[in-house]
């Protein structure tokens, strides 16, 4: 690698974490996000930096354009409405030994529940919302990507913002209260205590389990609503809950279940007033196998 290319590579690597964050929010897939960032690097290599005054801004909009093309392609291929059992790829981190409350919540993280809502936006809406509301990209720059006027791009973001606000469930951000609810849920499941499970679940709790397209039977993808229905399901899978440990899942606490050395599931939750209101479970073996699993 010559000196100029080595310098360009170093400059790109400085921006890689930011670009990965943009692509992950746009796509909800860690693998696709990495591919999008790599494509941004290839485009930079072909273009060079001549005429680029703000490399970070240029890379952000290029990554956004790549992600937009991927989202449009997804939408064009999708014959059925968005599957209500879909759960995006989670980002897992271990609990800090020193200060779990500080480790649990990072300012730059995004919740699984919000990523689910973003999946229901139109591609152009998602781009406008993610780039402007999450990364403060000016509307003029976004307008060039979606090929609309600045005013129309503002309307895209405004419409997306309303949909996100209306559909994203509220959740207690306090890790201590999250952990208390998770510990109560795990203890009740481990002990086979149906009424204790019902007590820790909100009456209108929604469970969304994504096991992928190939899993059948009781472990297949499903959506359940109501404390008693979710509690019954939890008892059927109590073995996995008993084997779970608490980890950080995106912006909150969750459970990672490993049985006989294999990851069986990752669960994140939303918690309100000490009770679990939403459960998001990824149990797709193929996608779980690609996750980076934190050590104890």
Protein backbone atom coordinates (compact mmCIF):
# COMPACT_ATOMS: atom_id res chain seq x y z
CA UNK A 1 0.00 0.00 0.00
CA UNK A 2 1.51 3.35 -1.01
CA UNK A 3 1.69 6.28 1.38
CA UNK A 4 -1.38 8.06 -0.04
CA UNK A 5 -3.55 4.93 0.16
CA UNK A 6 -2.30 4.18 3.66
CA UNK A 7 -3.20 7.70 4.77
CA UNK A 8 -6.63 7.40 3.14
CA UNK A 9 -7.21 4.05 4.88
CA UNK A 10 -6.28 5.55 8.25
CA UNK A 11 -8.64 8.47 7.72
CA UNK A 12 -11.44 6.09 6.74
CA UNK A 13 -10.88 3.91 9.81
CA UNK A 14 -11.38 6.97 12.00
CA UNK A 15 -14.90 7.23 10.60
CA UNK A 16 -15.73 3.50 10.52
CA UNK A 17 -17.52 3.30 13.93
CA UNK A 18 -19.74 6.25 13.00
CA UNK A 19 -20.51 4.81 9.57
CA UNK A 20 -21.31 1.42 11.09
CA UNK A 21 -23.73 3.13 13.49
CA UNK A 22 -25.46 4.89 10.59
CA UNK A 23 -25.74 1.70 8.53
CA UNK A 24 -26.99 -0.38 11.47
CA UNK A 25 -29.80 2.07 12.17
CA UNK A 26 -30.67 2.15 8.51
CA UNK A 27 -30.64 -1.61 7.97
CA UNK A 28 -31.14 -3.34 11.34
CA UNK A 29 -28.65 -5.99 10.20
CA UNK A 30 -25.08 -6.14 11.44
CA UNK A 31 -23.89 -8.10 8.41
CA UNK A 32 -25.51 -5.75 5.92
CA UNK A 33 -24.22 -2.76 7.86
CA UNK A 34 -20.65 -4.04 7.57
CA UNK A 35 -21.16 -4.64 3.84
CA UNK A 36 -22.49 -1.09 3.39
CA UNK A 37 -19.49 0.41 5.19
CA UNK A 38 -17.13 -1.67 3.07
CA UNK A 39 -18.85 -0.44 -0.07
CA UNK A 40 -18.40 3.15 1.16
CA UNK A 41 -14.67 2.45 1.48
CA UNK A 42 -14.54 1.08 -2.07
CA UNK A 43 -16.32 4.16 -3.40
CA UNK A 44 -13.91 6.42 -1.54
CA UNK A 45 -11.02 4.49 -3.06
CA UNK A 46 -12.39 5.03 -6.54
CA UNK A 47 -13.22 8.70 -5.96
CA UNK A 48 -10.36 9.93 -3.80
CA UNK A 49 -10.59 12.97 -1.57
CA UNK A 50 -10.06 15.65 -4.18
CA UNK A 51 -12.88 18.15 -3.87
CA UNK A 52 -14.16 16.67 -0.59
CA UNK A 53 -14.06 19.35 2.09
CA UNK A 54 -15.75 17.32 4.83
CA UNK A 55 -14.76 13.66 4.59
CA UNK A 56 -16.98 12.58 7.49
CA UNK A 57 -20.03 14.25 5.98
CA UNK A 58 -19.27 12.83 2.53
CA UNK A 59 -18.88 9.30 3.91
CA UNK A 60 -22.08 9.61 5.94
CA UNK A 61 -24.18 10.59 2.94
CA UNK A 62 -22.54 7.95 0.72
CA UNK A 63 -23.23 5.27 3.34
CA UNK A 64 -26.80 6.53 3.60
CA UNK A 65 -27.22 6.29 -0.18
CA UNK A 66 -25.88 2.71 -0.19
CA UNK A 67 -28.29 1.76 2.61
CA UNK A 68 -31.19 3.47 0.84
CA UNK A 69 -30.54 1.38 -2.27
CA UNK A 70 -30.53 -1.78 -0.13
CA UNK A 71 -33.78 -0.81 1.57
CA UNK A 72 -35.46 -0.02 -1.75
CA UNK A 73 -34.33 -3.38 -3.07
CA UNK A 74 -35.78 -5.10 0.00
CA UNK A 75 -39.10 -3.31 -0.47
CA UNK A 76 -39.24 -4.25 -4.14
CA UNK A 77 -38.65 -7.94 -3.33
CA UNK A 78 -41.09 -8.08 -0.43
CA UNK A 79 -44.43 -9.47 -1.64
CA UNK A 80 -45.99 -9.69 1.82
CA UNK A 81 -46.34 -6.96 4.46
CA UNK A 82 -43.61 -6.65 7.07
CA UNK A 83 -43.54 -9.82 9.20
CA UNK A 84 -44.75 -8.92 12.70
CA UNK A 85 -42.37 -11.49 14.20
CA UNK A 86 -39.23 -9.81 12.82
CA UNK A 87 -36.55 -8.92 15.38
CA UNK A 88 -33.45 -7.02 14.17
CA UNK A 89 -29.90 -8.10 14.93
CA UNK A 90 -29.00 -7.16 18.51
CA UNK A 91 -25.68 -5.73 19.65
CA UNK A 92 -24.48 -7.52 22.79
CA UNK A 93 -22.07 -6.32 25.45
CA UNK A 94 -21.15 -7.75 28.85
CA UNK A 95 -22.18 -6.13 32.08
CA UNK A 96 -19.41 -4.01 33.56
CA UNK A 97 -17.74 -5.41 36.64
CA UNK A 98 -17.23 -1.91 37.95
CA UNK A 99 -20.37 0.06 37.19
CA UNK A 100 -23.14 -1.90 35.47
CA UNK A 101 -25.48 1.08 35.40
CA UNK A 102 -23.05 3.21 33.43
CA UNK A 103 -22.12 0.31 31.16
CA UNK A 104 -25.75 -0.57 30.51
CA UNK A 105 -26.75 2.61 28.75
CA UNK A 106 -24.60 4.21 26.08
CA UNK A 107 -25.60 7.52 24.54
CA UNK A 108 -24.95 6.25 21.00
CA UNK A 109 -26.95 3.03 21.27
CA UNK A 110 -30.41 2.41 19.85
CA UNK A 111 -33.04 0.10 21.27
CA UNK A 112 -34.31 -3.05 19.60
CA UNK A 113 -37.88 -1.76 19.99
CA UNK A 114 -37.02 1.40 18.04
CA UNK A 115 -35.30 -0.63 15.30
CA UNK A 116 -38.49 -2.67 14.92
CA UNK A 117 -40.44 0.55 14.40
CA UNK A 118 -37.90 1.81 11.86
CA UNK A 119 -38.55 -1.33 9.80
CA UNK A 120 -42.09 -0.08 9.18
CA UNK A 121 -40.95 3.21 7.64
CA UNK A 122 -40.65 3.70 3.91
CA UNK A 123 -37.00 3.67 2.78
CA UNK A 124 -36.86 7.43 2.09
CA UNK A 125 -38.56 8.17 5.43
CA UNK A 126 -36.08 6.00 7.28
CA UNK A 127 -33.12 7.69 5.63
CA UNK A 128 -34.43 11.18 6.41
CA UNK A 129 -35.20 10.29 10.03
CA UNK A 130 -31.95 8.42 10.73
CA UNK A 131 -29.62 10.92 9.08
CA UNK A 132 -31.31 14.06 10.38
CA UNK A 133 -32.78 13.12 13.76
CA UNK A 134 -30.06 10.70 14.85
CA UNK A 135 -26.97 12.14 13.19
CA UNK A 136 -27.85 15.81 12.54
CA UNK A 137 -27.16 15.66 8.79
CA UNK A 138 -28.54 18.84 7.15
CA UNK A 139 -31.69 18.45 5.09
CA UNK A 140 -29.96 19.92 2.05
CA UNK A 141 -27.51 16.99 2.07
CA UNK A 142 -30.26 14.41 2.58
CA UNK A 143 -32.35 15.96 -0.20
CA UNK A 144 -29.57 15.20 -2.68
CA UNK A 145 -29.62 11.53 -1.67
CA UNK A 146 -33.40 11.04 -1.96
CA UNK A 147 -33.58 13.30 -5.02
CA UNK A 148 -36.27 15.56 -3.58
CA UNK A 149 -36.46 19.21 -2.62
CA UNK A 150 -35.30 20.27 0.82
CA UNK A 151 -38.88 21.09 1.79
CA UNK A 152 -40.09 17.64 0.70
CA UNK A 153 -37.24 16.03 2.61
CA UNK A 154 -38.25 17.91 5.75
CA UNK A 155 -41.76 16.52 5.30
CA UNK A 156 -40.34 13.00 4.99
CA UNK A 157 -38.52 13.35 8.29
CA UNK A 158 -41.54 14.92 9.96
CA UNK A 159 -43.81 12.08 8.84
CA UNK A 160 -41.27 9.51 10.00
CA UNK A 161 -40.87 11.29 13.33
CA UNK A 162 -44.61 11.11 14.00
CA UNK A 163 -44.74 7.43 13.14
CA UNK A 164 -41.75 6.67 15.35
CA UNK A 165 -43.24 8.66 18.23
CA UNK A 166 -46.61 6.96 17.91
CA UNK A 167 -45.32 3.39 17.57
CA UNK A 168 -42.24 3.20 19.78
CA UNK A 169 -43.18 1.77 23.19
CA UNK A 170 -42.10 3.67 26.28
CA UNK A 171 -39.60 1.99 28.57
CA UNK A 172 -37.95 2.74 31.89
CA UNK A 173 -34.31 3.59 31.11
CA UNK A 174 -33.09 2.76 34.63
CA UNK A 175 -30.90 -0.40 34.47
CA UNK A 176 -31.60 -1.22 38.12
CA UNK A 177 -35.34 -1.45 37.53
CA UNK A 178 -34.80 -3.32 34.28
CA UNK A 179 -32.65 -5.87 36.09
CA UNK A 180 -35.19 -6.27 38.90
CA UNK A 181 -37.91 -7.12 36.36
CA UNK A 182 -35.64 -9.50 34.44
CA UNK A 183 -34.52 -11.25 37.64
CA UNK A 184 -38.15 -11.68 38.72
CA UNK A 185 -39.07 -13.07 35.31
CA UNK A 186 -36.16 -15.49 35.25
CA UNK A 187 -36.81 -16.69 38.83
CA UNK A 188 -40.49 -17.29 38.12
CA UNK A 189 -39.76 -19.19 34.90
CA UNK A 190 -37.05 -21.27 36.56
CA UNK A 191 -39.39 -22.13 39.42
CA UNK A 192 -42.35 -22.88 37.17
CA UNK A 193 -44.41 -20.26 39.01
CA UNK A 194 -47.13 -19.24 36.56
CA UNK A 195 -48.75 -16.60 38.77
CA UNK A 196 -45.38 -14.99 39.54
CA UNK A 197 -44.74 -14.77 35.80
CA UNK A 198 -48.10 -13.13 35.23
CA UNK A 199 -47.35 -10.66 38.01
CA UNK A 200 -44.12 -9.42 36.43
CA UNK A 201 -45.73 -9.07 32.99
CA UNK A 202 -47.92 -6.15 31.99
CA UNK A 203 -51.49 -7.30 31.19
CA UNK A 204 -51.01 -6.18 27.56
CA UNK A 205 -47.42 -7.40 27.17
CA UNK A 206 -46.41 -8.27 23.60
CA UNK A 207 -43.91 -11.03 22.82
CA UNK A 208 -42.25 -11.04 19.42
CA UNK A 209 -40.11 -14.13 18.72
CA UNK A 210 -38.09 -14.44 15.50
CA UNK A 211 -36.82 -17.98 14.94
CA UNK A 212 -36.18 -17.59 11.23
CA UNK A 213 -37.96 -19.21 8.30
CA UNK A 214 -36.80 -22.79 8.86
CA UNK A 215 -37.75 -23.45 12.48
CA UNK A 216 -41.10 -25.20 12.94
CA UNK A 217 -43.27 -26.41 15.81
CA UNK A 218 -43.44 -24.79 19.25
CA UNK A 219 -40.16 -22.94 18.64
CA UNK A 220 -41.34 -21.29 15.41
CA UNK A 221 -41.63 -17.52 15.04
CA UNK A 222 -44.66 -16.07 16.79
CA UNK A 223 -46.27 -12.97 18.21
CA UNK A 224 -48.22 -13.25 21.46
CA UNK A 225 -50.13 -10.65 23.45
CA UNK A 226 -51.37 -10.76 27.03
CA UNK A 227 -49.71 -11.74 30.30
CA UNK A 228 -51.22 -15.21 30.53
CA UNK A 229 -50.37 -16.20 26.95
CA UNK A 230 -46.80 -14.95 27.33
CA UNK A 231 -46.43 -16.64 30.73
CA UNK A 232 -47.56 -19.97 29.26
CA UNK A 233 -44.98 -19.63 26.50
CA UNK A 234 -42.29 -18.70 29.04
CA UNK A 235 -42.96 -21.89 31.00
CA UNK A 236 -42.57 -24.00 27.83
CA UNK A 237 -39.10 -22.51 27.30
CA UNK A 238 -38.12 -22.26 30.98
CA UNK A 239 -35.03 -24.42 30.33
CA UNK A 240 -33.55 -21.71 28.17
CA UNK A 241 -34.48 -18.95 30.59
CA UNK A 242 -32.84 -20.85 33.44
CA UNK A 243 -29.62 -21.02 31.42
CA UNK A 244 -29.69 -17.33 30.51
CA UNK A 245 -27.39 -14.63 31.82
CA UNK A 246 -27.94 -10.90 31.90
CA UNK A 247 -26.16 -8.88 29.22
CA UNK A 248 -26.52 -5.48 27.62
CA UNK A 249 -28.67 -5.73 24.51
CA UNK A 250 -28.34 -2.50 22.54
CA UNK A 251 -29.47 0.23 24.95
CA UNK A 252 -30.90 -1.86 27.80
CA UNK A 253 -30.52 -5.10 29.74
CA UNK A 254 -31.59 -8.45 28.36
CA UNK A 255 -31.00 -12.19 28.55
CA UNK A 256 -28.57 -14.33 26.57
CA UNK A 257 -29.35 -18.06 26.66
CA UNK A 258 -26.57 -20.56 25.94
CA UNK A 259 -27.27 -24.31 26.22
CA UNK A 260 -24.60 -26.97 25.61
CA UNK A 261 -22.28 -24.32 24.22
CA UNK A 262 -24.76 -23.01 21.65
CA UNK A 263 -26.55 -19.68 21.74
CA UNK A 264 -30.27 -20.44 21.81
CA UNK A 265 -31.75 -16.97 22.07
CA UNK A 266 -31.25 -13.31 22.87
CA UNK A 267 -34.06 -11.41 24.54
CA UNK A 268 -34.46 -7.70 25.11
CA UNK A 269 -37.36 -6.13 26.96
CA UNK A 270 -39.18 -2.90 27.59
CA UNK A 271 -40.13 -2.23 31.20
CA UNK A 272 -42.70 0.21 32.60
CA UNK A 273 -43.56 0.56 36.29
CA UNK A 274 -41.62 -2.56 37.16
CA UNK A 275 -43.42 -4.82 34.70
CA UNK A 276 -42.32 -6.13 31.32
CA UNK A 277 -44.37 -4.58 28.51
CA UNK A 278 -42.50 -5.93 25.50
CA UNK A 279 -40.26 -8.93 24.80
CA UNK A 280 -38.12 -9.16 21.65
CA UNK A 281 -36.55 -12.57 21.17
CA UNK A 282 -34.11 -13.52 18.42
CA UNK A 283 -33.88 -17.31 18.11
CA UNK A 284 -32.88 -17.67 14.45
CA UNK A 285 -29.95 -20.14 14.53
CA UNK A 286 -28.27 -18.69 11.43
CA UNK A 287 -28.35 -15.11 12.66
CA UNK A 288 -27.39 -16.05 16.23
CA UNK A 289 -24.32 -17.87 14.90
CA UNK A 290 -23.08 -14.59 13.38
CA UNK A 291 -23.39 -12.54 16.56
CA UNK A 292 -20.38 -11.49 18.58
CA UNK A 293 -21.03 -13.04 21.99
CA UNK A 294 -19.65 -11.23 25.06
CA UNK A 295 -17.61 -13.25 27.53
CA UNK A 296 -18.74 -13.65 31.12
